Protein backbone atom coordinates (compact mmCIF):
# COMPACT_ATOMS: atom_id res chain seq x y z
CA MET A 1 0.00 0.00 0.00
CA PHE A 2 2.44 2.56 1.18
CA GLY A 3 5.31 3.82 -1.07
CA VAL A 4 8.52 2.02 -1.81
CA ASP A 5 11.47 3.37 0.22
CA THR A 6 11.87 1.14 3.25
CA THR A 7 15.56 1.82 3.94
CA THR A 8 14.94 5.35 5.16
CA ILE A 9 12.50 4.52 7.97
CA MET A 10 13.74 6.65 10.78
CA ILE A 11 11.25 6.17 13.53
CA GLY A 12 12.72 2.95 14.81
CA SER A 13 11.62 3.20 18.39
CA THR A 14 8.00 3.75 17.39
CA LEU A 15 8.03 0.79 15.00
CA VAL A 16 9.45 -1.37 17.81
CA LEU A 17 6.39 -0.48 19.87
CA LEU A 18 4.12 -1.52 17.02
CA VAL A 19 5.91 -4.81 16.59
CA VAL A 20 5.76 -5.57 20.31
CA ILE A 21 2.05 -4.73 20.51
CA ALA A 22 1.37 -6.92 17.47
CA LEU A 23 3.38 -9.78 19.00
CA ILE A 24 1.41 -9.49 22.22
CA LEU A 25 -1.89 -9.62 20.34
CA ASN A 26 -0.75 -12.60 18.27
CA PHE A 27 0.57 -14.38 21.36
CA ARG A 28 -2.79 -13.97 23.07
CA LEU A 29 -4.49 -15.39 20.00
CA ARG A 30 -2.22 -18.44 20.08
CA LEU A 31 -2.88 -18.96 23.80
CA ARG A 32 -6.61 -18.97 23.25
CA ARG A 33 -6.28 -21.44 20.40
CA LEU A 34 -4.16 -23.74 22.53
CA GLY A 35 -6.66 -23.47 25.35
CA ARG A 36 -4.10 -22.10 27.78
CA THR A 37 -5.72 -20.07 30.52
CA VAL A 38 -2.96 -19.99 33.06
CA GLU A 39 -3.60 -16.98 35.24
CA SER A 40 0.07 -16.08 35.68
CA VAL A 41 0.65 -15.96 31.92
CA ASN A 42 -2.32 -13.70 31.39
CA ARG A 43 -1.22 -11.44 34.20
CA GLU A 44 2.29 -11.10 32.73
CA LEU A 45 0.83 -10.38 29.31
CA ALA A 46 -1.47 -7.74 30.75
CA GLU A 47 1.40 -6.05 32.59
CA SER A 48 3.60 -6.15 29.50
CA GLU A 49 0.87 -4.78 27.30
CA ALA A 50 0.18 -2.00 29.79
CA ARG A 51 3.84 -0.96 29.80
CA TYR A 52 4.10 -0.78 26.02
CA ARG A 53 0.72 0.86 25.65
CA LEU A 54 1.90 3.58 28.07
CA LEU A 55 4.92 4.17 25.84
CA ALA A 56 2.77 4.21 22.70
CA GLU A 57 0.31 6.67 24.21
CA ASN A 58 3.12 9.08 25.10
CA ALA A 59 4.85 8.93 21.70
CA SER A 60 4.82 12.09 19.60
CA ASP A 61 3.83 10.21 16.44
CA VAL A 62 0.36 8.72 16.08
CA ILE A 63 0.31 4.93 16.40
CA TRP A 64 -2.68 3.03 15.06
CA THR A 65 -4.05 -0.31 13.92
CA LEU A 66 -6.80 -1.05 11.40
CA SER A 67 -9.07 -4.01 10.85
CA LEU A 68 -9.79 -5.53 7.47
CA PRO A 69 -11.75 -5.33 5.27
CA ASP A 70 -13.64 -2.30 6.69
CA LEU A 71 -10.43 -0.33 7.50
CA SER A 72 -11.84 0.89 10.80
CA TYR A 73 -9.50 1.84 13.63
CA THR A 74 -9.02 -0.79 16.33
CA TYR A 75 -6.50 1.37 18.20
CA ILE A 76 -5.22 4.94 17.88
CA SER A 77 -2.86 6.70 20.29
CA PRO A 78 -3.75 9.97 22.06
CA SER A 79 -1.20 11.92 20.00
CA VAL A 80 -3.90 12.09 17.31
CA THR A 81 -5.12 15.13 19.24
CA ARG A 82 -1.83 16.95 18.56
CA LEU A 83 -1.86 15.83 14.93
CA ARG A 84 -5.46 16.54 13.93
CA GLY A 85 -7.20 18.13 16.91
CA LEU A 86 -9.48 15.10 17.39
CA THR A 87 -9.99 13.13 20.55
CA VAL A 88 -9.29 9.41 20.42
CA GLU A 89 -13.03 8.76 20.63
CA GLN A 90 -13.72 11.06 17.66
CA ALA A 91 -10.93 9.53 15.59
CA MET A 92 -12.18 5.99 16.29
CA THR A 93 -15.54 6.79 14.68
CA GLU A 94 -13.84 7.24 11.28
CA THR A 95 -12.49 4.63 8.95
CA PHE A 96 -8.98 5.23 7.68
CA PRO A 97 -10.17 6.38 4.21
CA GLU A 98 -12.62 8.78 5.86
CA SER A 99 -9.70 10.47 7.65
CA VAL A 100 -8.11 11.24 4.28
CA VAL A 101 -9.10 14.21 2.11
CA PRO A 102 -11.96 13.23 -0.26
CA GLU A 103 -9.93 13.31 -3.47
CA GLN A 104 -7.49 10.70 -2.11
CA ARG A 105 -9.95 8.24 -0.54
CA GLU A 106 -10.55 5.97 -3.52
CA ARG A 107 -6.83 5.91 -4.28
CA VAL A 108 -6.11 4.87 -0.68
CA ARG A 109 -8.63 2.01 -0.87
CA ARG A 110 -7.13 0.74 -4.12
CA MET A 111 -3.62 0.95 -2.70
CA ILE A 112 -4.62 -1.14 0.32
CA GLU A 113 -6.31 -3.76 -1.86
CA SER A 114 -3.25 -3.91 -4.10
CA ARG A 115 -0.91 -4.17 -1.14
CA VAL A 116 -2.81 -7.10 0.40
CA ALA A 117 -3.06 -8.85 -2.98
CA ARG A 118 0.68 -8.52 -3.59
CA TYR A 119 1.43 -9.95 -0.15
CA ARG A 120 -0.83 -12.93 -0.81
CA ASP A 121 0.97 -13.47 -4.13
CA GLY A 122 4.27 -13.68 -2.26
CA HIS A 123 5.89 -10.44 -3.41
CA PHE A 124 7.03 -9.48 0.11
CA GLY A 125 6.90 -10.62 3.72
CA PRO A 126 4.47 -9.49 6.44
CA ASP A 127 7.11 -7.48 8.31
CA GLU A 128 8.03 -5.29 5.35
CA ALA A 129 6.97 -1.75 6.24
CA GLN A 130 6.16 0.77 3.53
CA ARG A 131 5.81 4.54 3.41
CA VAL A 132 3.56 7.04 1.65
CA GLU A 133 2.45 10.64 2.07
CA ILE A 134 -1.26 11.51 2.26
CA ARG A 135 -3.32 14.53 3.22
CA GLN A 136 -5.64 14.43 6.20
CA HIS A 137 -8.20 16.94 7.44
CA CYS A 138 -8.06 18.44 10.93
CA VAL A 139 -10.86 19.42 13.25
CA ASP A 140 -10.28 23.12 12.45
CA GLY A 141 -10.79 22.50 8.72
CA GLN A 142 -7.13 22.69 7.75
CA GLU A 143 -5.37 20.02 5.72
CA ILE A 144 -2.00 18.59 6.70
CA THR A 145 0.49 16.42 4.88
CA VAL A 146 1.11 13.22 6.82
CA GLU A 147 3.83 10.64 6.34
CA ILE A 148 2.51 7.12 6.92
CA ILE A 149 4.74 4.13 7.70
CA ALA A 150 2.79 0.88 7.92
CA SER A 151 2.89 -2.89 7.58
CA LEU A 152 0.40 -5.73 7.41
CA MET A 153 -0.71 -7.70 10.50
CA VAL A 154 -1.02 -11.44 9.95
CA ASP A 155 -2.15 -14.39 12.07
CA ASP A 156 -0.32 -17.69 12.65
CA SER A 157 -1.50 -19.07 9.32
CA GLY A 158 -0.20 -16.05 7.42
CA GLY A 159 -3.63 -14.57 6.79
CA VAL A 160 -3.91 -10.76 6.75
CA VAL A 161 -5.99 -9.58 9.72
CA GLY A 162 -5.19 -5.88 9.79
CA ILE A 163 -2.73 -3.03 9.27
CA GLN A 164 -0.48 -1.36 11.82
CA GLY A 165 1.17 2.00 11.27
CA ILE A 166 2.38 5.36 12.48
CA SER A 167 1.62 8.89 11.25
CA ARG A 168 3.81 11.99 11.37
CA ASN A 169 3.00 15.57 10.36
CA VAL A 170 5.42 16.63 7.58
CA THR A 171 3.50 19.71 6.43
CA ALA A 172 6.27 22.14 7.40
CA ARG A 173 8.92 20.06 5.68
CA LYS A 174 6.86 19.83 2.48
CA ARG A 175 6.21 23.55 2.55
CA ALA A 176 9.93 24.28 2.95
CA GLU A 177 10.68 22.06 -0.03
CA GLN A 178 8.01 23.78 -2.12
CA VAL A 179 9.30 27.23 -1.16
CA ARG A 180 12.85 26.31 -2.12
CA GLN A 181 11.71 24.82 -5.42
CA SER A 182 9.55 27.87 -6.16
CA ARG A 183 12.43 30.27 -5.51
CA GLU A 184 14.75 28.27 -7.74
CA ALA A 185 12.11 28.17 -10.47
CA ILE A 186 11.67 31.94 -10.30
CA LEU A 187 15.41 32.59 -10.54
CA ALA A 188 15.74 30.15 -13.44
CA ALA A 189 12.88 31.91 -15.23
CA LEU A 190 14.52 35.24 -14.45
CA ALA A 191 17.75 34.12 -16.08
CA SER A 192 15.81 33.09 -19.19
CA SER A 193 13.92 36.38 -19.14
CA ALA A 194 17.12 38.38 -18.86
CA ARG A 195 18.56 36.78 -21.98
CA LEU A 196 15.41 37.71 -23.84
CA LEU A 197 15.31 41.28 -22.55
CA PHE A 198 18.95 42.16 -23.08
CA ASN A 199 19.51 40.42 -26.41
CA SER A 200 16.30 41.00 -28.36
CA ASN A 201 15.63 43.80 -30.80
CA ASP A 202 11.86 43.42 -30.35
CA ARG A 203 11.45 44.78 -26.84
CA ASP A 204 7.68 44.33 -26.66
CA GLU A 205 7.80 40.66 -27.65
CA ALA A 206 10.81 40.03 -25.41
CA MET A 207 9.00 41.60 -22.46
CA ARG A 208 5.86 39.53 -23.07
CA ARG A 209 7.89 36.34 -23.19
CA ALA A 210 9.84 37.36 -20.10
CA LEU A 211 6.65 38.02 -18.15
CA GLU A 212 5.24 34.69 -19.32
CA ALA A 213 8.32 32.85 -18.05
CA LEU A 214 8.03 34.54 -14.66
CA GLY A 215 4.29 33.94 -14.50
CA ARG A 216 4.59 30.24 -15.24
CA SER A 217 7.44 29.84 -12.76
CA VAL A 218 5.28 31.15 -9.91
CA ASP A 219 2.07 29.59 -11.30
CA VAL A 220 -0.08 32.70 -11.65
CA ASP A 221 -2.60 33.83 -14.25
CA ARG A 222 -1.49 37.37 -15.00
CA VAL A 223 1.78 39.35 -14.81
CA TYR A 224 2.08 43.04 -15.64
CA VAL A 225 4.34 46.05 -15.30
CA PHE A 226 3.22 49.55 -14.29
CA GLU A 227 5.35 52.64 -14.84
CA ASN A 228 4.95 55.68 -12.60
CA HIS A 229 4.47 59.20 -13.86
CA GLN A 230 3.02 62.44 -12.56
CA ALA A 231 -0.08 64.36 -13.47
CA ASP A 232 0.14 68.06 -14.21
CA ASP A 233 -0.79 68.81 -10.61
CA GLY A 234 1.98 66.54 -9.31
CA GLU A 235 -0.26 63.60 -8.35
CA LEU A 236 1.48 60.21 -8.65
CA LEU A 237 -0.07 58.03 -11.36
CA ALA A 238 0.68 54.56 -12.76
CA THR A 239 0.07 53.18 -16.25
CA MET A 240 0.25 49.53 -17.29
CA ARG A 241 2.95 49.15 -19.94
CA PHE A 242 3.29 45.39 -20.40
CA GLU A 243 1.14 42.37 -19.60
CA TRP A 244 0.98 38.61 -19.99
CA VAL A 245 -2.19 36.63 -19.27
CA ASN A 246 -2.78 32.90 -19.13
CA THR A 247 -5.30 31.13 -21.34
CA GLY A 248 -8.86 32.02 -20.40
CA ILE A 249 -7.88 35.10 -18.37
CA GLU A 250 -9.10 38.54 -19.44
CA ALA A 251 -6.37 41.03 -20.29
CA GLN A 252 -6.39 44.38 -18.47
CA ILE A 253 -3.85 46.38 -20.43
CA ASP A 254 -6.60 48.18 -22.34
CA ASN A 255 -8.72 48.74 -19.24
CA PRO A 256 -9.12 52.53 -18.91
CA GLU A 257 -8.68 52.25 -15.14
CA MET A 258 -5.17 50.91 -15.72
CA LEU A 259 -4.16 54.02 -17.67
CA GLY A 260 -3.10 56.93 -15.50
CA MET A 261 -4.32 55.16 -12.34
CA PRO A 262 -4.00 57.49 -9.32
CA TYR A 263 -2.29 55.80 -6.40
CA ARG A 264 -4.12 57.78 -3.74
CA GLY A 265 -7.47 57.22 -5.36
CA ALA A 266 -7.12 53.54 -6.41
CA ILE A 267 -4.64 51.90 -4.02
CA PRO A 268 -3.98 54.39 -1.20
CA ASN A 269 -3.32 51.71 1.43
CA TRP A 270 -0.51 50.20 -0.67
CA LEU A 271 1.32 53.41 -1.50
CA PRO A 272 3.37 53.84 1.72
CA ALA A 273 4.70 50.27 1.57
CA LEU A 274 5.54 50.46 -2.13
CA GLN A 275 7.32 53.78 -1.67
CA ASP A 276 9.38 52.17 1.10
CA GLY A 277 10.40 49.37 -1.27
CA GLU A 278 8.19 46.74 0.34
CA ALA A 279 6.02 44.22 -1.49
CA VAL A 280 2.25 44.03 -0.98
CA HIS A 281 0.72 40.58 -1.02
CA GLY A 282 -2.23 38.59 0.23
CA ARG A 283 -5.71 37.34 -0.44
CA VAL A 284 -8.05 39.88 -1.99
CA ALA A 285 -10.80 39.01 0.51
CA ASN A 286 -8.55 40.32 3.29
CA PHE A 287 -7.73 43.69 1.67
CA PRO A 288 -9.51 46.89 2.69
CA GLU A 289 -11.36 49.19 0.33
CA PRO A 290 -10.85 50.61 -2.25
CA GLU A 291 -8.24 47.97 -3.19
CA LYS A 292 -10.65 45.07 -2.69
CA SER A 293 -13.23 46.39 -5.17
CA LEU A 294 -10.59 47.23 -7.77
CA LEU A 295 -9.09 43.73 -7.63
CA ARG A 296 -12.38 41.85 -7.51
CA ALA A 297 -13.51 43.64 -10.66
CA GLN A 298 -10.54 41.97 -12.39
CA ASP A 299 -11.38 38.52 -10.91
CA ILE A 300 -8.20 38.50 -8.82
CA VAL A 301 -8.25 36.11 -5.84
CA SER A 302 -4.73 36.64 -4.50
CA ILE A 303 -1.91 38.94 -5.53
CA VAL A 304 1.70 40.02 -5.09
CA VAL A 305 2.79 43.51 -6.10
CA VAL A 306 6.50 44.31 -5.95
CA PRO A 307 7.85 47.85 -6.32
CA ILE A 308 10.42 48.56 -9.01
CA VAL A 309 13.07 50.85 -7.55
CA LEU A 310 15.75 52.28 -9.83
CA GLU A 311 18.64 54.29 -8.43
CA GLY A 312 16.68 54.86 -5.23
CA ARG A 313 13.58 56.08 -7.08
CA PHE A 314 10.15 54.39 -6.95
CA TRP A 315 9.92 53.74 -10.68
CA GLY A 316 6.83 51.50 -10.85
CA MET A 317 5.62 48.05 -9.91
CA ILE A 318 5.25 44.52 -11.19
CA GLY A 319 2.16 42.52 -10.24
CA PHE A 320 1.37 38.80 -10.13
CA ASP A 321 -2.32 37.82 -10.06
CA ASP A 322 -3.79 34.44 -9.18
CA CYS A 323 -7.36 34.43 -10.43
CA THR A 324 -8.27 30.92 -9.31
CA ARG A 325 -6.83 30.24 -5.84
CA ASP A 326 -6.51 31.69 -2.39
CA ARG A 327 -2.82 31.37 -1.66
CA ASP A 328 -0.21 32.62 0.77
CA TRP A 329 3.12 33.82 -0.57
CA SER A 330 6.34 32.82 1.16
CA GLN A 331 9.04 35.36 1.94
CA ALA A 332 11.46 33.42 -0.28
CA GLU A 333 9.06 33.78 -3.23
CA ILE A 334 8.58 37.48 -2.54
CA ASP A 335 12.33 38.03 -2.28
CA ALA A 336 12.86 36.24 -5.61
CA LEU A 337 10.09 38.28 -7.22
CA GLY A 338 11.78 41.38 -5.86
CA ILE A 339 14.85 40.44 -7.90
CA ALA A 340 12.56 39.96 -10.90
CA ALA A 341 11.04 43.40 -10.38
CA ALA A 342 14.43 45.07 -10.29
CA THR A 343 15.52 43.23 -13.43
CA ILE A 344 12.37 44.04 -15.38
CA GLY A 345 12.64 47.67 -14.39
CA SER A 346 16.28 47.82 -15.36
CA ALA A 347 15.52 46.32 -18.76
CA ILE A 348 12.74 48.80 -19.42
CA ASP A 349 14.88 51.70 -18.30
CA GLY A 350 17.77 50.56 -20.48
CA ILE A 351 20.04 49.46 -17.64
CA ARG A 352 21.93 46.28 -18.43
CA ALA A 353 22.03 44.14 -15.30
CA GLN A 354 23.46 41.11 -17.10
CA GLN A 355 26.42 40.64 -14.76
CA GLU A 356 24.27 40.37 -11.65
CA LEU A 357 21.88 37.97 -13.36
CA GLU A 358 24.74 35.72 -14.40
CA ARG A 359 25.88 35.68 -10.78
CA LEU A 360 22.41 34.56 -9.67
CA VAL A 361 22.35 31.81 -12.25
CA SER A 362 25.93 30.66 -11.55
CA THR A 363 25.60 30.61 -7.75
CA ASP A 364 23.93 27.93 -5.69
CA SER A 365 21.24 29.82 -3.79
CA LEU A 366 21.66 27.78 -0.59
CA THR A 367 25.43 27.59 -0.08
CA GLY A 368 26.70 30.53 -2.13
CA LEU A 369 29.07 28.19 -3.99
CA SER A 370 29.20 27.84 -7.75
CA SER A 371 26.22 26.06 -9.24
CA ARG A 372 26.78 22.77 -11.06
CA ARG A 373 26.58 24.39 -14.48
CA ALA A 374 28.87 27.28 -13.58
CA PHE A 375 31.39 24.95 -11.93
CA LEU A 376 31.58 22.62 -14.93
CA GLU A 377 31.97 25.52 -17.37
CA GLN A 378 34.81 27.13 -15.41
CA ALA A 379 36.42 23.77 -14.58
CA ARG A 380 36.56 22.80 -18.26
CA GLN A 381 38.20 26.12 -19.11
CA THR A 382 40.76 25.81 -16.27
CA HIS A 383 41.50 22.20 -17.24
CA HIS A 384 42.26 23.14 -20.84
CA GLN A 385 44.44 26.04 -19.70
CA GLY A 386 46.37 23.64 -17.49
CA LEU A 387 46.94 21.26 -20.39
CA ALA A 388 48.18 24.10 -22.56
CA GLY A 389 50.54 25.28 -19.81
CA GLN A 390 51.63 21.73 -18.95
CA SER A 391 50.50 22.09 -15.33
CA SER A 392 48.53 19.58 -13.30
CA THR A 393 44.98 20.08 -12.17
CA ALA A 394 43.35 18.03 -9.42
CA LEU A 395 39.65 17.38 -9.09
CA LEU A 396 37.85 16.39 -5.88
CA ILE A 397 34.36 14.91 -5.94
CA MET A 398 32.89 14.85 -2.42
CA ASP A 399 29.75 13.39 -0.89
CA LEU A 400 28.59 13.92 2.69
CA ASP A 401 28.22 10.54 4.37
CA HIS A 402 24.74 9.35 5.40
CA PHE A 403 23.33 12.80 4.82
CA LYS A 404 19.85 11.51 4.15
CA ARG A 405 19.60 10.50 7.79
CA ILE A 406 19.86 14.15 8.82
CA ASN A 407 17.00 15.16 6.52
CA ASP A 408 14.92 12.23 7.68
CA GLU A 409 15.54 12.75 11.41
CA PHE A 410 15.63 16.54 11.72
CA GLY A 411 13.99 17.79 8.50
CA HIS A 412 15.28 19.58 5.42
CA PRO A 413 15.77 23.01 7.09
CA VAL A 414 18.36 21.44 9.42
CA GLY A 415 19.87 19.63 6.45
CA ASP A 416 20.16 22.95 4.62
CA GLU A 417 22.06 24.45 7.56
CA ALA A 418 24.43 21.48 7.51
CA LEU A 419 25.11 22.01 3.80
CA LYS A 420 25.84 25.69 4.43
CA ALA A 421 28.20 24.77 7.27
CA PHE A 422 30.11 22.36 5.02
CA ALA A 423 30.40 25.06 2.35
CA ARG A 424 31.86 27.41 4.97
CA ILE A 425 34.40 24.77 6.05
CA CYS A 426 35.42 24.31 2.42
CA ARG A 427 36.06 28.03 2.01
CA GLU A 428 38.05 28.19 5.25
CA THR A 429 40.18 25.13 4.45
CA LEU A 430 40.90 25.44 0.75
CA ARG A 431 42.94 28.05 -1.11
CA PRO A 432 41.34 31.30 -2.29
CA ASP A 433 41.80 30.39 -5.97
CA ASP A 434 40.32 26.89 -5.68
CA LEU A 435 36.96 26.51 -7.42
CA ILE A 436 34.23 25.02 -5.22
CA GLY A 437 30.83 23.96 -6.54
CA ARG A 438 27.71 22.22 -5.36
CA MET A 439 26.89 19.50 -7.85
CA GLY A 440 23.50 18.70 -6.38
CA GLY A 441 22.08 17.44 -3.11
CA GLU A 442 24.96 16.63 -0.75
CA GLU A 443 27.56 16.23 -3.53
CA PHE A 444 30.26 18.87 -4.01
CA ALA A 445 33.30 19.32 -6.22
CA VAL A 446 36.59 21.22 -5.95
CA LEU A 447 39.01 22.05 -8.75
CA LEU A 448 42.58 22.53 -7.53
CA PRO A 449 44.70 24.13 -10.28
CA ASP A 450 48.47 23.94 -10.63
CA LEU A 451 49.54 21.57 -7.87
CA SER A 452 51.00 18.10 -7.37
CA LEU A 453 49.24 14.91 -6.36
CA LYS A 454 50.88 15.04 -2.93
CA THR A 455 49.64 18.57 -2.27
CA ALA A 456 46.19 17.77 -3.60
CA ARG A 457 45.91 14.73 -1.35
CA LYS A 458 47.00 16.81 1.67
CA LEU A 459 44.36 19.45 0.92
CA ALA A 460 41.72 16.76 0.57
CA GLU A 461 42.77 15.19 3.89
CA ASP A 462 42.82 18.60 5.58
CA LEU A 463 39.27 19.19 4.40
CA ARG A 464 38.11 15.74 5.52
CA LEU A 465 39.65 16.20 8.96
CA ALA A 466 38.29 19.74 9.31
CA LEU A 467 34.75 18.47 8.80
CA GLU A 468 35.24 15.38 10.98
CA SER A 469 36.52 17.48 13.89
CA SER A 470 33.78 20.10 13.62
CA THR A 471 30.48 20.10 15.48
CA ILE A 472 27.67 21.94 13.74
CA ARG A 473 25.59 23.49 16.49
CA LEU A 474 22.02 24.36 15.59
CA PRO A 475 18.98 25.10 17.77
CA GLU A 476 17.48 21.77 16.73
CA ALA A 477 20.56 19.57 17.08
CA GLU A 478 24.33 19.26 17.26
CA LEU A 479 25.56 17.50 14.15
CA SER A 480 28.79 15.68 13.35
CA LEU A 481 29.44 15.05 9.67
CA THR A 482 31.99 13.16 7.64
CA VAL A 483 32.75 13.26 3.94
CA SER A 484 33.98 10.77 1.36
CA ILE A 485 36.33 12.24 -1.26
CA GLY A 486 37.42 10.96 -4.64
CA LEU A 487 40.60 12.54 -6.05
CA ALA A 488 41.90 12.49 -9.62
CA LEU A 489 44.87 14.32 -11.13
CA SER A 490 44.88 15.49 -14.73
CA ASP A 491 47.04 13.74 -17.29
CA PRO A 492 48.12 14.86 -20.78
CA ALA A 493 45.98 12.01 -22.09
CA ASP A 494 42.90 13.64 -20.55
CA ARG A 495 42.13 15.87 -23.49
CA GLN A 496 38.53 16.16 -22.31
CA PHE A 497 37.56 17.33 -18.82
CA SER A 498 34.93 14.59 -18.76
CA SER A 499 37.72 11.98 -18.46
CA LEU A 500 39.06 13.65 -15.31
CA LEU A 501 35.54 13.99 -13.94
CA LYS A 502 34.79 10.32 -14.54
CA ARG A 503 37.98 9.23 -12.78
CA ALA A 504 37.28 11.42 -9.74
CA ASP A 505 33.74 10.09 -9.59
CA GLN A 506 35.01 6.51 -9.64
CA ALA A 507 37.43 7.36 -6.83
CA LEU A 508 34.49 8.66 -4.80
CA TYR A 509 32.65 5.37 -5.20
CA GLN A 510 35.82 3.61 -4.13
CA ALA A 511 35.96 5.75 -0.97
CA LYS A 512 32.34 4.98 -0.12
CA ASN A 513 32.70 1.27 -0.71
CA ALA A 514 35.86 1.22 1.44
CA GLY A 515 33.98 2.48 4.49
CA ARG A 516 33.39 6.23 3.87
CA ASN A 517 35.08 9.18 5.62
CA ARG A 518 38.23 8.74 3.57
CA VAL A 519 40.11 10.04 0.52
CA GLU A 520 40.71 7.70 -2.41
CA VAL A 521 42.87 8.49 -5.44
CA LEU A 522 42.44 7.08 -8.93
CA LEU A 523 45.55 7.65 -11.03
CA PRO A 524 45.59 7.95 -14.83
CA GLY A 525 45.24 4.54 -16.42
CA GLU A 526 43.61 3.01 -13.35
CA SER A 527 39.99 1.99 -13.19
CA TYR A 528 37.57 0.97 -10.51
């Protein structure tokens, strides 16, 4: 029923409780079948069950069992109140599918049926736990994302009699992942937009395509740019200059109210924030008048408006309308859209901000190191220069050991802080001219130009030891990390950088297979 990744189950202690409770229940069943009614055995079982039930009822995760085929709860721990706001009694009145949001209920039923059928066909054993994420509703009407880890309960004959599992709220973790992905999508779209804006002769078409790229990256229905100007009496006005709308959305660029719109008459509550360089965002239903009426007339449900400030002057604004959903905007999204606003304004005003945009694209937003693409481009160039100058270049490919455990145990925000800490250690340990890049996830690379194998190995060992001896102190935890490093040195035969990269990557696998937390070297001509 539940997912496929069983190796990352991190809630071991809770699963032990489930197994013990299931064993107790099965043992009782066997005793009854054997006709054993010895009072001392029953008393010991009752005491044992009471002890483990006390532990289960004080666990932070929700522990539960289901009966088949009706999928009703036969047990659920009191922590369901923290998870969903329900009492145990209220939760027990639902079946498991009824606790899931309506659009997922039929899928859940089919998954359970498929899981039981696959067990009966011998595809896996009864103790094999599986994982899946679902959405459940809370007593206050909110929906949460819940990670489920569960396994089948079987009797002595191997027949399936129920399901046992645990539930954990992962809403915050999922939201953090979505925010990070959204920010990266916006910056990627911004890079694409910049190329259009700064290299196209057709400014109007380039602007439309740039706004479309930004709009699709943040999943909105309308994106537009207003330019400020003044009336004869000095009143501040705004006129829509450019617009992109999604299919089925009415354009507003020809709306007379969008031409020479007076700030103090149309959006007076926004003006102070925009003049201070702050974004305005939210659900239209929560805005005061007159903004609410203006936006509702354009079928806007939620909105972000970011000021465009050029050389310290409030030049205009860029707006992002969602006409279909109530949504909340994260600060990371707003910050990224702020960069977009500055770029759009610079393009319109004829200011070429290409260098800053290239920095955004070439820098990993989390660690500040070179992005994978930027690292590979510069590394290839440095490698070829080394070959031409007959100097050696070393390449390190590094992978943080067992990093997934950190994400699983503490969440991705803690994992992000660990990645940033490792990037800082790299900068402090390596030479100023060494090129450091994040290749993706917990994998990093370092290009060490113009040095011998001995020196390269020493630098790699220094870096490994620096990380091993460091304790990363965070509010949530104190972390100790290690890193596996693969080292390769360039050879005149390596005409292509890809050959050096492949050798370093093979050395990394050798380091991991040899026990991790070590440096392995693969010399030219060797293979692994």
